[in-house]
C-alpha atoms as a PDB file:
ATOM      1  CA  MET A   1      45.146  36.661 -43.899  1.00  0.00           C
ATOM      2  CA  ALA A   2      43.144  33.968 -45.651  1.00  0.00           C
ATOM      3  CA  LYS A   3      40.097  32.441 -43.966  1.00  0.00           C
ATOM      4  CA  THR A   4      40.268  28.828 -43.162  1.00  0.00           C
ATOM      5  CA  PRO A   5      37.344  26.548 -42.910  1.00  0.00           C
ATOM      6  CA  THR A   6      37.248  26.884 -39.143  1.00  0.00           C
ATOM      7  CA  ASP A   7      37.070  30.669 -39.394  1.00  0.00           C
ATOM      8  CA  SER A   8      33.664  30.686 -41.194  1.00  0.00           C
ATOM      9  CA  ASN A   9      30.755  32.609 -39.697  1.00  0.00           C
ATOM     10  CA  THR A  10      28.295  29.768 -40.001  1.00  0.00           C
ATOM     11  CA  ALA A  11      27.361  28.156 -36.854  1.00  0.00           C
ATOM     12  CA  LEU A  12      25.778  24.699 -36.574  1.00  0.00           C
ATOM     13  CA  LYS A  13      22.611  24.391 -34.478  1.00  0.00           C
ATOM     14  CA  PRO A  14      23.149  21.927 -31.771  1.00  0.00           C
ATOM     15  CA  GLU A  15      20.900  18.951 -32.079  1.00  0.00           C
ATOM     16  CA  VAL A  16      18.486  18.854 -29.182  1.00  0.00           C
ATOM     17  CA  ALA A  17      17.602  15.313 -28.258  1.00  0.00           C
ATOM     18  CA  LYS A  18      13.969  15.045 -27.592  1.00  0.00           C
ATOM     19  CA  PRO A  19      13.104  12.614 -24.839  1.00  0.00           C
ATOM     20  CA  LYS A  20      11.183   9.607 -25.945  1.00  0.00           C
ATOM     21  CA  LEU A  21       7.653   9.607 -24.393  1.00  0.00           C
ATOM     22  CA  PRO A  22       7.001   6.526 -22.298  1.00  0.00           C
ATOM     23  CA  PRO A  23       4.599   3.895 -23.552  1.00  0.00           C
ATOM     24  CA  MET A  24       1.023   4.539 -22.363  1.00  0.00           C
ATOM     25  CA  PHE A  25      -1.288   1.941 -20.914  1.00  0.00           C
ATOM     26  CA  LYS A  26      -5.161   1.920 -20.721  1.00  0.00           C
ATOM     27  CA  VAL A  27      -6.584   0.859 -17.405  1.00  0.00           C
ATOM     28  CA  LEU A  28      -9.742  -1.150 -18.077  1.00  0.00           C
ATOM     29  CA  LEU A  29     -12.457  -2.584 -15.789  1.00  0.00           C
ATOM     30  CA  LEU A  30     -14.085  -5.766 -16.886  1.00  0.00           C
ATOM     31  CA  ASN A  31     -17.644  -6.751 -16.472  1.00  0.00           C
ATOM     32  CA  ASP A  32     -18.894  -9.507 -14.203  1.00  0.00           C
ATOM     33  CA  ASP A  33     -22.314 -10.625 -13.039  1.00  0.00           C
ATOM     34  CA  TYR A  34     -21.733 -10.031  -9.364  1.00  0.00           C
ATOM     35  CA  THR A  35     -20.111  -6.701  -8.619  1.00  0.00           C
ATOM     36  CA  PRO A  36     -22.723  -4.038  -7.807  1.00  0.00           C
ATOM     37  CA  MET A  37     -22.941  -1.093 -10.319  1.00  0.00           C
ATOM     38  CA  GLU A  38     -22.716   1.446  -7.433  1.00  0.00           C
ATOM     39  CA  PHE A  39     -19.447  -0.150  -6.243  1.00  0.00           C
ATOM     40  CA  VAL A  40     -18.011   0.208  -9.754  1.00  0.00           C
ATOM     41  CA  VAL A  41     -18.983   3.893  -9.941  1.00  0.00           C
ATOM     42  CA  GLU A  42     -17.535   4.619  -6.524  1.00  0.00           C
ATOM     43  CA  THR A  43     -14.331   2.794  -7.427  1.00  0.00           C
ATOM     44  CA  ILE A  44     -13.981   4.817 -10.648  1.00  0.00           C
ATOM     45  CA  GLU A  45     -14.488   8.041  -8.760  1.00  0.00           C
ATOM     46  CA  ARG A  46     -12.089   7.146  -5.999  1.00  0.00           C
ATOM     47  CA  PHE A  47      -9.156   5.786  -8.008  1.00  0.00           C
ATOM     48  CA  PHE A  48      -9.470   7.616 -11.293  1.00  0.00           C
ATOM     49  CA  ASN A  49     -10.662  11.148  -9.993  1.00  0.00           C
ATOM     50  CA  LYS A  50     -13.774  10.999 -12.272  1.00  0.00           C
ATOM     51  CA  SER A  51     -16.999  12.893 -11.612  1.00  0.00           C
ATOM     52  CA  ARG A  52     -20.167  10.974 -10.794  1.00  0.00           C
ATOM     53  CA  GLU A  53     -21.442  11.455 -14.269  1.00  0.00           C
ATOM     54  CA  GLN A  54     -18.135  10.274 -15.930  1.00  0.00           C
ATOM     55  CA  ALA A  55     -17.900   7.275 -13.653  1.00  0.00           C
ATOM     56  CA  THR A  56     -21.552   6.242 -14.465  1.00  0.00           C
ATOM     57  CA  GLN A  57     -20.795   6.530 -18.143  1.00  0.00           C
ATOM     58  CA  ILE A  58     -17.686   4.275 -17.815  1.00  0.00           C
ATOM     59  CA  MET A  59     -19.687   1.840 -15.632  1.00  0.00           C
ATOM     60  CA  LEU A  60     -22.414   1.519 -18.164  1.00  0.00           C
ATOM     61  CA  LYS A  61     -19.802   0.916 -20.862  1.00  0.00           C
ATOM     62  CA  VAL A  62     -18.301  -1.845 -18.746  1.00  0.00           C
ATOM     63  CA  HIS A  63     -21.845  -3.254 -18.247  1.00  0.00           C
ATOM     64  CA  THR A  64     -22.960  -3.181 -21.828  1.00  0.00           C
ATOM     65  CA  GLU A  65     -19.738  -3.744 -23.714  1.00  0.00           C
ATOM     66  CA  GLY A  66     -17.815  -6.014 -21.334  1.00  0.00           C
ATOM     67  CA  ALA A  67     -14.923  -3.540 -20.578  1.00  0.00           C
ATOM     68  CA  GLY A  68     -14.483   0.238 -20.111  1.00  0.00           C
ATOM     69  CA  VAL A  69     -11.412   2.496 -20.150  1.00  0.00           C
ATOM     70  CA  CYS A  70     -10.983   4.408 -16.861  1.00  0.00           C
ATOM     71  CA  GLY A  71      -7.829   6.264 -17.896  1.00  0.00           C
ATOM     72  CA  VAL A  72      -4.582   6.228 -19.904  1.00  0.00           C
ATOM     73  CA  TYR A  73      -1.304   6.416 -17.934  1.00  0.00           C
ATOM     74  CA  PRO A  74       2.469   5.577 -18.081  1.00  0.00           C
ATOM     75  CA  GLN A  75       3.008   1.910 -17.252  1.00  0.00           C
ATOM     76  CA  ASP A  76       3.998   2.349 -13.582  1.00  0.00           C
ATOM     77  CA  ILE A  77       1.016   4.534 -12.824  1.00  0.00           C
ATOM     78  CA  ALA A  78      -1.297   2.258 -14.771  1.00  0.00           C
ATOM     79  CA  GLU A  79      -0.048  -0.835 -12.799  1.00  0.00           C
ATOM     80  CA  THR A  80      -0.453   1.020  -9.488  1.00  0.00           C
ATOM     81  CA  LYS A  81      -4.081   2.002 -10.263  1.00  0.00           C
ATOM     82  CA  MET A  82      -4.845  -1.549 -11.408  1.00  0.00           C
ATOM     83  CA  ASN A  83      -3.377  -3.018  -8.176  1.00  0.00           C
ATOM     84  CA  GLN A  84      -5.275  -0.381  -6.028  1.00  0.00           C
ATOM     85  CA  VAL A  85      -8.520  -1.321  -7.703  1.00  0.00           C
ATOM     86  CA  LEU A  86      -7.964  -5.035  -7.350  1.00  0.00           C
ATOM     87  CA  GLU A  87      -6.966  -4.779  -3.711  1.00  0.00           C
ATOM     88  CA  HIS A  88      -9.960  -2.616  -2.872  1.00  0.00           C
ATOM     89  CA  ALA A  89     -12.396  -4.916  -4.661  1.00  0.00           C
ATOM     90  CA  ARG A  90     -10.785  -7.946  -2.843  1.00  0.00           C
ATOM     91  CA  GLN A  91     -11.069  -6.306   0.538  1.00  0.00           C
ATOM     92  CA  LEU A  92     -14.771  -5.836  -0.004  1.00  0.00           C
ATOM     93  CA  GLN A  93     -15.162  -9.258  -1.460  1.00  0.00           C
ATOM     94  CA  HIS A  94     -16.165  -8.172  -5.002  1.00  0.00           C
ATOM     95  CA  PRO A  95     -14.854 -10.064  -8.060  1.00  0.00           C
ATOM     96  CA  LEU A  96     -14.302  -6.866 -10.037  1.00  0.00           C
ATOM     97  CA  GLN A  97     -11.320  -7.294 -12.458  1.00  0.00           C
ATOM     98  CA  CYS A  98      -9.073  -4.565 -13.662  1.00  0.00           C
ATOM     99  CA  VAL A  99      -6.408  -4.947 -16.371  1.00  0.00           C
ATOM    100  CA  ILE A 100      -3.986  -2.779 -18.214  1.00  0.00           C
ATOM    101  CA  GLU A 101      -3.386  -2.758 -21.991  1.00  0.00           C
ATOM    102  CA  MET A 102      -0.844  -0.929 -24.059  1.00  0.00           C
ATOM    103  CA  THR A 103      -2.196   1.803 -26.290  1.00  0.00           C
END
């Protein structure tokens, strides 16, 4: 019996579709002349789970360079964190601004 092309012993590897990673967004705090530094540090600790030392370093970057990255997240998480920070600052009557930016 002759072998037909369908009888061959070669097997094709199935192509595995790799899921595309979601776009990532930086959450940044912006400097202003009114929000106390201690409030900024506490906000970073609370909403971004940073240590006191890490939060202080981010706050100093915000203070000296005008903006500081608190974390990088998928869009929905970044937007949630931004809104939480803005609401928290508003409730305590601080003008702290928080924005997200695509990486």
